[in-house]
């Protein structure tokens, strides 16, 4: 190979690297080999006219999950900062946690029992990636069960219990951190599958 050819190859490699797509957050656990569909349908096209009717439903569910989680953390922070008294805190958060936990458990069941096995059968190469998401669900479900127990304690605690509120807040933060990682990794895998599949 000539020097000119070597230079051309090196420049092509640089160009490929420059324009290659990466997952949307730096802590992504997705390996490059798993992003072959993501590279065909990157996030800036997810809401395009050709794909939105197939992708928007899943993204809307995730938007609602993030919104409910954010509101719960805001209520918890409002109590801890003194903005809410005990009565207001309980009235704002109790029913919301019950609903959030229920909806997340239902969401995980639908994915674990239906969508994820279907996607793996379509793309066996992605099985390790969906295994990661499945383990996330196991850990999330443990955190949600803990959150539900704390919320049940809160429902019985008419007398102020700051220690309980602090523990509940820690659990909410842990759920938020895992959801942030999980939902983004899941979208980077799932949304291109939805957008590119036929039918």
N, C-alpha and C. Protein backbone atom coordinates (compact mmCIF):
# COMPACT_ATOMS: atom_id res chain seq x y z
N UNK A 1 0.85 -1.19 0.00
CA UNK A 1 0.00 0.00 0.00
C UNK A 1 0.89 1.24 0.00
N UNK A 2 0.60 2.22 -0.84
CA UNK A 2 1.41 3.43 -0.92
C UNK A 2 1.13 4.33 0.25
N UNK A 3 2.03 5.31 0.44
CA UNK A 3 1.87 6.30 1.51
C UNK A 3 0.57 7.06 1.32
N UNK A 4 0.26 7.40 0.07
CA UNK A 4 -0.97 8.12 -0.24
C UNK A 4 -2.19 7.29 0.15
N UNK A 5 -2.13 5.99 -0.15
CA UNK A 5 -3.25 5.11 0.20
C UNK A 5 -3.40 5.01 1.71
N UNK A 6 -2.24 4.94 2.42
CA UNK A 6 -2.27 4.90 3.88
C UNK A 6 -2.92 6.14 4.46
N UNK A 7 -2.54 7.30 3.91
CA UNK A 7 -3.11 8.56 4.37
C UNK A 7 -4.62 8.61 4.13
N UNK A 8 -5.01 8.08 2.96
CA UNK A 8 -6.43 8.08 2.61
C UNK A 8 -7.21 7.19 3.58
N UNK A 9 -6.63 6.02 3.90
CA UNK A 9 -7.28 5.10 4.83
C UNK A 9 -7.41 5.73 6.21
N UNK A 10 -6.32 6.39 6.66
CA UNK A 10 -6.34 7.05 7.97
C UNK A 10 -7.39 8.15 8.02
N UNK A 11 -7.48 8.92 6.94
CA UNK A 11 -8.47 10.00 6.89
C UNK A 11 -9.89 9.43 6.92
N UNK A 12 -10.10 8.32 6.22
CA UNK A 12 -11.43 7.69 6.22
C UNK A 12 -11.80 7.22 7.63
N UNK A 13 -10.81 6.65 8.33
CA UNK A 13 -11.05 6.19 9.71
C UNK A 13 -11.41 7.37 10.61
N UNK A 14 -10.71 8.48 10.43
CA UNK A 14 -11.01 9.68 11.22
C UNK A 14 -12.42 10.19 10.90
N UNK A 15 -12.76 10.21 9.62
CA UNK A 15 -14.09 10.67 9.22
C UNK A 15 -15.18 9.77 9.80
N UNK A 16 -14.94 8.45 9.72
CA UNK A 16 -15.92 7.51 10.26
C UNK A 16 -16.11 7.73 11.75
N UNK A 17 -14.99 7.95 12.45
CA UNK A 17 -15.07 8.16 13.89
C UNK A 17 -15.78 9.47 14.21
N UNK A 18 -15.52 10.49 13.41
CA UNK A 18 -16.11 11.80 13.64
C UNK A 18 -17.63 11.76 13.54
N UNK A 19 -18.12 10.99 12.57
CA UNK A 19 -19.56 10.98 12.32
C UNK A 19 -20.27 9.78 12.93
N UNK A 20 -19.53 8.91 13.62
CA UNK A 20 -20.19 7.75 14.24
C UNK A 20 -21.03 8.23 15.41
N UNK A 21 -22.14 7.53 15.61
CA UNK A 21 -23.06 7.91 16.67
C UNK A 21 -22.70 7.17 17.95
N UNK A 22 -22.96 7.81 19.05
CA UNK A 22 -22.73 7.19 20.36
C UNK A 22 -24.03 7.26 21.14
N UNK A 23 -24.19 6.40 22.15
CA UNK A 23 -25.39 6.49 22.99
C UNK A 23 -25.54 7.89 23.57
N UNK A 24 -26.75 8.19 24.05
CA UNK A 24 -27.06 9.56 24.41
C UNK A 24 -26.55 10.00 25.77
N UNK A 25 -25.98 9.10 26.55
CA UNK A 25 -25.40 9.55 27.81
C UNK A 25 -24.08 8.82 28.05
N UNK A 26 -23.15 9.45 28.74
CA UNK A 26 -21.79 8.92 28.85
C UNK A 26 -21.70 7.63 29.65
N UNK A 27 -22.70 7.35 30.49
CA UNK A 27 -22.66 6.15 31.32
C UNK A 27 -23.38 4.97 30.67
N UNK A 28 -23.70 5.07 29.40
CA UNK A 28 -24.40 3.99 28.72
C UNK A 28 -23.64 2.67 28.85
N UNK A 29 -24.40 1.61 29.05
CA UNK A 29 -23.80 0.28 29.15
C UNK A 29 -23.90 -0.47 27.83
N UNK A 30 -24.35 0.20 26.80
CA UNK A 30 -24.54 -0.44 25.50
C UNK A 30 -23.22 -0.50 24.73
N UNK A 31 -22.88 -1.71 24.27
CA UNK A 31 -21.66 -1.88 23.49
C UNK A 31 -21.90 -1.43 22.05
N UNK A 32 -20.82 -1.04 21.41
CA UNK A 32 -20.91 -0.53 20.04
C UNK A 32 -21.60 -1.53 19.11
N UNK A 33 -21.33 -2.80 19.30
CA UNK A 33 -21.92 -3.84 18.43
C UNK A 33 -23.44 -3.91 18.55
N UNK A 34 -23.98 -3.37 19.62
CA UNK A 34 -25.43 -3.42 19.82
C UNK A 34 -26.14 -2.21 19.23
N UNK A 35 -25.40 -1.27 18.67
CA UNK A 35 -25.98 -0.01 18.21
C UNK A 35 -26.20 0.03 16.70
N UNK A 36 -26.24 -1.12 16.07
CA UNK A 36 -26.37 -1.14 14.61
C UNK A 36 -27.72 -0.58 14.15
N UNK A 37 -28.77 -0.76 14.94
CA UNK A 37 -30.08 -0.18 14.58
C UNK A 37 -30.14 1.29 14.99
N UNK A 38 -29.56 1.60 16.12
CA UNK A 38 -29.49 2.99 16.59
C UNK A 38 -28.78 3.86 15.55
N UNK A 39 -27.75 3.30 14.92
CA UNK A 39 -27.02 4.06 13.90
C UNK A 39 -27.86 4.27 12.64
N UNK A 40 -28.79 3.35 12.38
CA UNK A 40 -29.70 3.52 11.24
C UNK A 40 -30.83 4.50 11.55
N UNK A 41 -31.24 4.53 12.81
CA UNK A 41 -32.33 5.42 13.22
C UNK A 41 -31.93 6.17 14.49
N UNK A 42 -31.13 7.23 14.34
CA UNK A 42 -30.67 8.00 15.50
C UNK A 42 -31.79 8.85 16.11
N UNK A 43 -31.58 9.34 17.32
CA UNK A 43 -32.63 10.06 18.04
C UNK A 43 -33.24 11.25 17.31
N UNK A 44 -32.45 11.92 16.47
CA UNK A 44 -33.00 13.10 15.79
C UNK A 44 -34.04 12.73 14.74
N UNK A 45 -34.22 11.42 14.49
CA UNK A 45 -35.24 10.98 13.54
C UNK A 45 -36.43 10.28 14.21
N UNK A 46 -36.35 10.09 15.52
CA UNK A 46 -37.37 9.29 16.21
C UNK A 46 -38.78 9.87 16.07
N UNK A 47 -38.85 11.19 15.98
CA UNK A 47 -40.17 11.82 15.85
C UNK A 47 -40.44 12.28 14.42
N UNK A 48 -39.63 11.80 13.47
CA UNK A 48 -39.86 12.13 12.07
C UNK A 48 -41.16 11.52 11.57
N UNK A 49 -41.67 12.08 10.50
CA UNK A 49 -42.98 11.65 9.97
C UNK A 49 -43.02 10.17 9.63
N UNK A 50 -41.87 9.61 9.23
CA UNK A 50 -41.83 8.20 8.84
C UNK A 50 -41.83 7.24 10.02
N UNK A 51 -41.55 7.76 11.23
CA UNK A 51 -41.35 6.87 12.37
C UNK A 51 -42.22 7.18 13.58
N UNK A 52 -42.67 8.40 13.72
CA UNK A 52 -43.33 8.83 14.97
C UNK A 52 -44.53 7.97 15.32
N UNK A 53 -45.28 7.51 14.31
CA UNK A 53 -46.48 6.73 14.61
C UNK A 53 -46.12 5.37 15.23
N UNK A 54 -44.85 4.94 15.07
CA UNK A 54 -44.42 3.68 15.67
C UNK A 54 -43.61 3.88 16.96
N UNK A 55 -43.01 5.04 17.13
CA UNK A 55 -42.11 5.26 18.26
C UNK A 55 -42.71 6.11 19.38
N UNK A 56 -43.67 6.96 19.05
CA UNK A 56 -44.12 7.97 20.02
C UNK A 56 -44.84 7.37 21.23
N UNK A 57 -45.52 6.23 21.03
CA UNK A 57 -46.23 5.62 22.16
C UNK A 57 -45.28 5.20 23.27
N UNK A 58 -44.21 4.53 22.89
CA UNK A 58 -43.23 4.07 23.88
C UNK A 58 -42.55 5.27 24.55
N UNK A 59 -42.19 6.26 23.75
CA UNK A 59 -41.53 7.44 24.30
C UNK A 59 -42.46 8.22 25.23
N UNK A 60 -43.74 8.24 24.91
CA UNK A 60 -44.70 8.93 25.78
C UNK A 60 -44.81 8.23 27.13
N UNK A 61 -44.81 6.91 27.13
CA UNK A 61 -44.84 6.16 28.40
C UNK A 61 -43.63 6.52 29.24
N UNK A 62 -42.46 6.57 28.62
CA UNK A 62 -41.24 6.90 29.35
C UNK A 62 -41.25 8.35 29.84
N UNK A 63 -41.80 9.24 29.04
CA UNK A 63 -41.93 10.63 29.47
C UNK A 63 -42.79 10.73 30.72
N UNK A 64 -43.88 9.98 30.75
CA UNK A 64 -44.77 9.99 31.91
C UNK A 64 -44.10 9.39 33.14
N UNK A 65 -43.30 8.33 32.94
CA UNK A 65 -42.56 7.74 34.06
C UNK A 65 -41.60 8.77 34.65
N UNK A 66 -40.85 9.43 33.79
CA UNK A 66 -39.89 10.44 34.27
C UNK A 66 -40.61 11.58 34.99
N UNK A 67 -41.75 11.99 34.45
CA UNK A 67 -42.51 13.09 35.05
C UNK A 67 -43.01 12.71 36.43
N UNK A 68 -43.60 11.51 36.57
CA UNK A 68 -44.11 11.08 37.87
C UNK A 68 -42.97 10.97 38.88
N UNK A 69 -41.84 10.45 38.43
CA UNK A 69 -40.70 10.30 39.33
C UNK A 69 -40.18 11.67 39.78
N UNK A 70 -40.11 12.61 38.85
CA UNK A 70 -39.63 13.95 39.17
C UNK A 70 -40.54 14.64 40.18
N UNK A 71 -41.84 14.50 40.01
CA UNK A 71 -42.80 15.12 40.93
C UNK A 71 -42.66 14.54 42.33
N UNK A 72 -42.47 13.22 42.44
CA UNK A 72 -42.30 12.60 43.75
C UNK A 72 -41.06 13.14 44.46
N UNK A 73 -39.96 13.27 43.74
CA UNK A 73 -38.74 13.80 44.33
C UNK A 73 -38.94 15.26 44.75
N UNK A 74 -39.65 16.03 43.94
CA UNK A 74 -39.91 17.44 44.27
C UNK A 74 -40.75 17.57 45.54
N UNK A 75 -41.75 16.71 45.69
CA UNK A 75 -42.59 16.74 46.90
C UNK A 75 -41.74 16.38 48.11
N UNK A 76 -40.92 15.34 47.97
CA UNK A 76 -40.06 14.92 49.07
C UNK A 76 -39.09 16.02 49.47
N UNK A 77 -38.50 16.66 48.48
CA UNK A 77 -37.57 17.77 48.76
C UNK A 77 -38.29 18.95 49.40
N UNK A 78 -39.53 19.17 49.00
CA UNK A 78 -40.30 20.28 49.57
C UNK A 78 -40.55 20.06 51.06
N UNK A 79 -40.80 18.82 51.44
CA UNK A 79 -40.98 18.54 52.88
C UNK A 79 -39.66 18.71 53.62
N UNK A 80 -38.59 18.13 53.08
CA UNK A 80 -37.29 18.19 53.75
C UNK A 80 -36.82 19.63 53.93
N UNK A 81 -37.12 20.47 52.95
CA UNK A 81 -36.69 21.88 53.03
C UNK A 81 -37.62 22.74 53.90
N UNK A 82 -38.73 22.17 54.35
CA UNK A 82 -39.66 22.92 55.20
C UNK A 82 -40.77 23.62 54.45
N UNK A 83 -40.83 23.43 53.14
CA UNK A 83 -41.88 24.07 52.35
C UNK A 83 -43.24 23.43 52.62
N UNK A 84 -43.26 22.12 52.86
CA UNK A 84 -44.49 21.41 53.20
C UNK A 84 -44.43 20.98 54.66
N UNK A 85 -45.57 21.05 55.36
CA UNK A 85 -45.63 20.43 56.68
C UNK A 85 -45.96 18.95 56.51
N UNK A 86 -46.01 18.22 57.59
CA UNK A 86 -46.22 16.77 57.55
C UNK A 86 -47.53 16.39 56.87
N UNK A 87 -48.57 17.11 57.19
CA UNK A 87 -49.89 16.81 56.62
C UNK A 87 -49.91 17.03 55.11
N UNK A 88 -49.36 18.15 54.68
CA UNK A 88 -49.34 18.45 53.24
C UNK A 88 -48.47 17.45 52.49
N UNK A 89 -47.34 17.13 53.07
CA UNK A 89 -46.42 16.15 52.47
C UNK A 89 -47.15 14.82 52.25
N UNK A 90 -47.81 14.34 53.29
CA UNK A 90 -48.50 13.05 53.17
C UNK A 90 -49.62 13.12 52.14
N UNK A 91 -50.37 14.19 52.14
CA UNK A 91 -51.49 14.31 51.21
C UNK A 91 -51.02 14.38 49.76
N UNK A 92 -49.82 14.94 49.56
CA UNK A 92 -49.29 15.09 48.20
C UNK A 92 -48.64 13.82 47.67
N UNK A 93 -48.03 13.04 48.55
CA UNK A 93 -47.16 11.96 48.06
C UNK A 93 -47.75 10.57 48.15
N UNK A 94 -48.65 10.31 49.10
CA UNK A 94 -49.10 8.93 49.35
C UNK A 94 -49.74 8.28 48.12
N UNK A 95 -50.76 8.90 47.58
CA UNK A 95 -51.46 8.31 46.43
C UNK A 95 -50.58 8.28 45.20
N UNK A 96 -49.72 9.29 45.05
CA UNK A 96 -48.84 9.33 43.88
C UNK A 96 -47.86 8.16 43.88
N UNK A 97 -47.31 7.84 45.05
CA UNK A 97 -46.38 6.71 45.12
C UNK A 97 -47.12 5.41 44.80
N UNK A 98 -48.29 5.23 45.37
CA UNK A 98 -49.07 4.01 45.09
C UNK A 98 -49.29 3.83 43.59
N UNK A 99 -49.69 4.88 42.92
CA UNK A 99 -49.97 4.81 41.49
C UNK A 99 -48.69 4.58 40.69
N UNK A 100 -47.62 5.26 41.07
CA UNK A 100 -46.35 5.16 40.35
C UNK A 100 -45.79 3.74 40.44
N UNK A 101 -45.80 3.18 41.64
CA UNK A 101 -45.28 1.83 41.84
C UNK A 101 -46.10 0.83 41.03
N UNK A 102 -47.42 0.96 41.08
CA UNK A 102 -48.30 0.05 40.33
C UNK A 102 -48.01 0.12 38.84
N UNK A 103 -47.95 1.33 38.30
CA UNK A 103 -47.75 1.50 36.86
C UNK A 103 -46.38 0.99 36.42
N UNK A 104 -45.34 1.19 37.23
CA UNK A 104 -44.02 0.72 36.87
C UNK A 104 -43.96 -0.81 36.88
N UNK A 105 -44.56 -1.43 37.88
CA UNK A 105 -44.59 -2.90 37.92
C UNK A 105 -45.32 -3.44 36.68
N UNK A 106 -46.43 -2.83 36.33
CA UNK A 106 -47.18 -3.27 35.14
C UNK A 106 -46.34 -3.09 33.88
N UNK A 107 -45.65 -1.97 33.78
CA UNK A 107 -44.80 -1.68 32.62
C UNK A 107 -43.71 -2.73 32.49
N UNK A 108 -43.06 -3.06 33.60
CA UNK A 108 -41.98 -4.05 33.56
C UNK A 108 -42.50 -5.43 33.16
N UNK A 109 -43.66 -5.80 33.65
CA UNK A 109 -44.23 -7.10 33.33
C UNK A 109 -44.51 -7.21 31.82
N UNK A 110 -45.06 -6.16 31.25
CA UNK A 110 -45.36 -6.17 29.82
C UNK A 110 -44.07 -6.31 29.01
N UNK A 111 -43.04 -5.62 29.43
CA UNK A 111 -41.76 -5.70 28.71
C UNK A 111 -41.10 -7.07 28.89
N UNK A 112 -41.04 -7.56 30.13
CA UNK A 112 -40.35 -8.82 30.41
C UNK A 112 -41.05 -10.02 29.78
N UNK A 113 -42.38 -9.99 29.79
CA UNK A 113 -43.15 -11.15 29.32
C UNK A 113 -43.49 -11.09 27.83
N UNK A 114 -43.42 -9.89 27.25
CA UNK A 114 -43.85 -9.75 25.86
C UNK A 114 -42.82 -9.12 24.95
N UNK A 115 -42.60 -7.84 25.14
CA UNK A 115 -41.78 -7.10 24.18
C UNK A 115 -40.33 -7.56 24.13
N UNK A 116 -39.67 -7.70 25.28
CA UNK A 116 -38.24 -8.02 25.25
C UNK A 116 -37.97 -9.38 24.60
N UNK A 117 -38.71 -10.44 24.95
CA UNK A 117 -38.48 -11.72 24.24
C UNK A 117 -38.73 -11.60 22.73
N UNK A 118 -39.74 -10.82 22.36
CA UNK A 118 -40.02 -10.63 20.93
C UNK A 118 -38.85 -9.95 20.24
N UNK A 119 -38.31 -8.91 20.87
CA UNK A 119 -37.20 -8.18 20.27
C UNK A 119 -35.95 -9.06 20.16
N UNK A 120 -35.71 -9.88 21.17
CA UNK A 120 -34.55 -10.78 21.14
C UNK A 120 -34.71 -11.82 20.03
N UNK A 121 -35.94 -12.30 19.81
CA UNK A 121 -36.16 -13.26 18.73
C UNK A 121 -35.92 -12.61 17.37
N UNK A 122 -36.19 -11.30 17.26
CA UNK A 122 -35.94 -10.57 16.02
C UNK A 122 -34.45 -10.32 15.82
N UNK A 123 -33.75 -10.01 16.92
CA UNK A 123 -32.33 -9.65 16.87
C UNK A 123 -31.58 -10.39 17.98
N UNK A 124 -31.26 -11.67 17.78
CA UNK A 124 -30.57 -12.45 18.83
C UNK A 124 -29.26 -11.81 19.31
N UNK A 125 -28.64 -11.04 18.43
CA UNK A 125 -27.38 -10.37 18.79
C UNK A 125 -27.58 -9.42 19.99
N UNK A 126 -28.82 -8.96 20.19
CA UNK A 126 -29.10 -8.01 21.26
C UNK A 126 -29.48 -8.68 22.58
N UNK A 127 -29.44 -10.00 22.63
CA UNK A 127 -29.83 -10.71 23.85
C UNK A 127 -29.07 -10.23 25.09
N UNK A 128 -27.74 -10.02 25.01
CA UNK A 128 -27.03 -9.54 26.21
C UNK A 128 -27.49 -8.16 26.66
N UNK A 129 -27.86 -7.32 25.72
CA UNK A 129 -28.34 -5.97 26.06
C UNK A 129 -29.67 -6.05 26.79
N UNK A 130 -30.57 -6.90 26.29
CA UNK A 130 -31.86 -7.03 26.96
C UNK A 130 -31.74 -7.76 28.30
N UNK A 131 -30.69 -8.55 28.44
CA UNK A 131 -30.43 -9.17 29.75
C UNK A 131 -30.08 -8.10 30.77
N UNK A 132 -29.31 -7.10 30.36
CA UNK A 132 -28.99 -5.98 31.25
C UNK A 132 -30.28 -5.27 31.67
N UNK A 133 -31.16 -5.01 30.70
CA UNK A 133 -32.42 -4.33 31.02
C UNK A 133 -33.28 -5.18 31.95
N UNK A 134 -33.26 -6.50 31.75
CA UNK A 134 -34.02 -7.39 32.63
C UNK A 134 -33.50 -7.35 34.06
N UNK A 135 -32.17 -7.31 34.21
CA UNK A 135 -31.59 -7.19 35.56
C UNK A 135 -31.96 -5.85 36.19
N UNK A 136 -32.00 -4.80 35.38
CA UNK A 136 -32.46 -3.49 35.88
C UNK A 136 -33.85 -3.62 36.47
N UNK A 137 -34.72 -4.33 35.77
CA UNK A 137 -36.10 -4.50 36.25
C UNK A 137 -36.12 -5.20 37.61
N UNK A 138 -35.28 -6.20 37.76
CA UNK A 138 -35.22 -6.91 39.04
C UNK A 138 -34.82 -5.96 40.16
N UNK A 139 -33.80 -5.15 39.91
CA UNK A 139 -33.33 -4.21 40.93
C UNK A 139 -34.36 -3.11 41.16
N UNK A 140 -34.94 -2.61 40.07
CA UNK A 140 -35.97 -1.59 40.20
C UNK A 140 -37.16 -2.10 40.99
N UNK A 141 -37.57 -3.34 40.72
CA UNK A 141 -38.71 -3.90 41.44
C UNK A 141 -38.42 -4.03 42.94
N UNK A 142 -37.17 -4.36 43.29
CA UNK A 142 -36.79 -4.40 44.70
C UNK A 142 -36.90 -3.01 45.33
N UNK A 143 -36.40 -2.00 44.60
CA UNK A 143 -36.49 -0.62 45.12
C UNK A 143 -37.94 -0.16 45.23
N UNK A 144 -38.76 -0.54 44.25
CA UNK A 144 -40.17 -0.15 44.28
C UNK A 144 -40.91 -0.83 45.42
N UNK A 145 -40.56 -2.09 45.69
CA UNK A 145 -41.16 -2.78 46.84
C UNK A 145 -40.77 -2.09 48.14
N UNK A 146 -39.51 -1.68 48.23
CA UNK A 146 -39.05 -0.95 49.41
C UNK A 146 -39.79 0.38 49.54
N UNK A 147 -39.95 1.07 48.41
CA UNK A 147 -40.67 2.34 48.40
C UNK A 147 -42.12 2.15 48.84
N UNK A 148 -42.74 1.07 48.39
CA UNK A 148 -44.13 0.81 48.76
C UNK A 148 -44.26 0.54 50.26
N UNK A 149 -43.32 -0.21 50.82
CA UNK A 149 -43.33 -0.48 52.26
C UNK A 149 -43.20 0.83 53.04
N UNK A 150 -42.27 1.67 52.60
CA UNK A 150 -42.08 2.97 53.27
C UNK A 150 -43.32 3.85 53.13
N UNK A 151 -43.94 3.79 51.97
CA UNK A 151 -45.16 4.58 51.76
C UNK A 151 -46.30 4.07 52.64
N UNK A 152 -46.40 2.77 52.81
CA UNK A 152 -47.42 2.20 53.70
C UNK A 152 -47.18 2.63 55.14
N UNK A 153 -45.90 2.69 55.53
CA UNK A 153 -45.56 3.19 56.87
C UNK A 153 -45.96 4.65 57.00
N UNK A 154 -45.70 5.40 55.96
CA UNK A 154 -46.06 6.82 55.95
C UNK A 154 -47.57 7.01 56.08
N UNK A 155 -48.33 6.15 55.43
CA UNK A 155 -49.79 6.24 55.50
C UNK A 155 -50.30 6.03 56.93
N UNK A 156 -49.56 5.25 57.72
CA UNK A 156 -49.96 4.98 59.11
C UNK A 156 -49.39 5.99 60.09
N UNK A 157 -48.50 6.85 59.62
CA UNK A 157 -47.76 7.76 60.52
C UNK A 157 -48.38 9.15 60.51
N UNK A 158 -49.41 9.32 61.28
CA UNK A 158 -50.03 10.64 61.36
C UNK A 158 -49.16 11.60 62.17
N UNK A 159 -48.39 11.04 63.10
CA UNK A 159 -47.43 11.85 63.85
C UNK A 159 -46.15 11.97 63.04
N UNK A 160 -45.59 13.16 62.96
CA UNK A 160 -44.44 13.41 62.11
C UNK A 160 -43.28 12.47 62.39
N UNK A 161 -42.71 11.93 61.33
CA UNK A 161 -41.58 11.00 61.42
C UNK A 161 -40.55 11.42 60.37
N UNK A 162 -39.65 12.30 60.77
CA UNK A 162 -38.67 12.83 59.83
C UNK A 162 -37.70 11.76 59.35
N UNK A 163 -37.38 10.81 60.22
CA UNK A 163 -36.45 9.74 59.83
C UNK A 163 -37.06 8.90 58.71
N UNK A 164 -38.34 8.60 58.80
CA UNK A 164 -39.02 7.85 57.75
C UNK A 164 -39.01 8.63 56.44
N UNK A 165 -39.29 9.93 56.51
CA UNK A 165 -39.29 10.77 55.31
C UNK A 165 -37.91 10.80 54.66
N UNK A 166 -36.86 10.82 55.48
CA UNK A 166 -35.49 10.81 54.95
C UNK A 166 -35.19 9.49 54.25
N UNK A 167 -35.60 8.38 54.85
CA UNK A 167 -35.37 7.08 54.23
C UNK A 167 -36.14 6.95 52.92
N UNK A 168 -37.37 7.42 52.92
CA UNK A 168 -38.18 7.39 51.71
C UNK A 168 -37.52 8.23 50.61
N UNK A 169 -36.98 9.37 51.00
CA UNK A 169 -36.31 10.23 50.03
C UNK A 169 -35.09 9.53 49.43
N UNK A 170 -34.32 8.84 50.25
CA UNK A 170 -33.15 8.11 49.75
C UNK A 170 -33.57 7.06 48.72
N UNK A 171 -34.68 6.39 49.00
CA UNK A 171 -35.17 5.38 48.06
C UNK A 171 -35.61 6.03 46.75
N UNK A 172 -36.29 7.16 46.85
CA UNK A 172 -36.70 7.88 45.65
C UNK A 172 -35.50 8.28 44.80
N UNK A 173 -34.45 8.75 45.44
CA UNK A 173 -33.24 9.15 44.72
C UNK A 173 -32.61 7.94 44.03
N UNK A 174 -32.57 6.80 44.73
CA UNK A 174 -32.02 5.59 44.14
C UNK A 174 -32.83 5.14 42.93
N UNK A 175 -34.16 5.24 43.02
CA UNK A 175 -35.02 4.90 41.88
C UNK A 175 -34.76 5.85 40.73
N UNK A 176 -34.64 7.13 41.03
CA UNK A 176 -34.38 8.13 39.99
C UNK A 176 -33.09 7.84 39.25
N UNK A 177 -32.03 7.54 39.99
CA UNK A 177 -30.72 7.29 39.38
C UNK A 177 -30.78 6.08 38.45
N UNK A 178 -31.43 5.01 38.91
CA UNK A 178 -31.50 3.80 38.08
C UNK A 178 -32.41 4.02 36.89
N UNK A 179 -33.54 4.69 37.10
CA UNK A 179 -34.45 4.96 35.98
C UNK A 179 -33.79 5.80 34.90
N UNK A 180 -33.01 6.78 35.32
CA UNK A 180 -32.34 7.64 34.34
C UNK A 180 -31.44 6.81 33.43
N UNK A 181 -30.68 5.90 34.03
CA UNK A 181 -29.80 5.03 33.25
C UNK A 181 -30.61 4.05 32.41
N UNK A 182 -31.56 3.40 33.06
CA UNK A 182 -32.31 2.32 32.43
C UNK A 182 -33.15 2.80 31.24
N UNK A 183 -33.90 3.88 31.44
CA UNK A 183 -34.80 4.33 30.38
C UNK A 183 -34.04 4.78 29.15
N UNK A 184 -32.92 5.44 29.35
CA UNK A 184 -32.15 5.91 28.21
C UNK A 184 -31.52 4.74 27.45
N UNK A 185 -30.94 3.79 28.19
CA UNK A 185 -30.39 2.61 27.52
C UNK A 185 -31.49 1.85 26.79
N UNK A 186 -32.64 1.73 27.43
CA UNK A 186 -33.75 1.01 26.81
C UNK A 186 -34.21 1.71 25.53
N UNK A 187 -34.33 3.01 25.57
CA UNK A 187 -34.76 3.75 24.38
C UNK A 187 -33.76 3.60 23.24
N UNK A 188 -32.48 3.66 23.56
CA UNK A 188 -31.46 3.53 22.51
C UNK A 188 -31.52 2.17 21.83
N UNK A 189 -32.00 1.17 22.53
CA UNK A 189 -32.18 -0.16 21.95
C UNK A 189 -33.53 -0.32 21.26
N UNK A 190 -34.58 0.07 21.99
CA UNK A 190 -35.94 -0.29 21.58
C UNK A 190 -36.51 0.62 20.51
N UNK A 191 -36.31 1.92 20.63
CA UNK A 191 -36.95 2.84 19.69
C UNK A 191 -36.54 2.58 18.24
N UNK A 192 -35.25 2.31 17.95
CA UNK A 192 -34.92 1.95 16.57
C UNK A 192 -35.59 0.65 16.10
N UNK A 193 -35.75 -0.32 17.00
CA UNK A 193 -36.44 -1.55 16.62
C UNK A 193 -37.87 -1.23 16.22
N UNK A 194 -38.56 -0.43 17.02
CA UNK A 194 -39.95 -0.07 16.74
C UNK A 194 -40.05 0.71 15.43
N UNK A 195 -39.15 1.66 15.27
CA UNK A 195 -39.22 2.54 14.10
C UNK A 195 -38.92 1.83 12.79
N UNK A 196 -38.02 0.85 12.84
CA UNK A 196 -37.57 0.22 11.60
C UNK A 196 -38.32 -1.06 11.25
N UNK A 197 -39.09 -1.59 12.19
CA UNK A 197 -39.78 -2.84 11.86
C UNK A 197 -40.97 -2.58 10.94
N UNK A 198 -41.31 -3.57 10.18
CA UNK A 198 -42.40 -3.44 9.22
C UNK A 198 -43.74 -3.60 9.91
N UNK A 199 -44.76 -2.93 9.35
CA UNK A 199 -46.10 -3.08 9.89
C UNK A 199 -46.48 -2.01 10.87
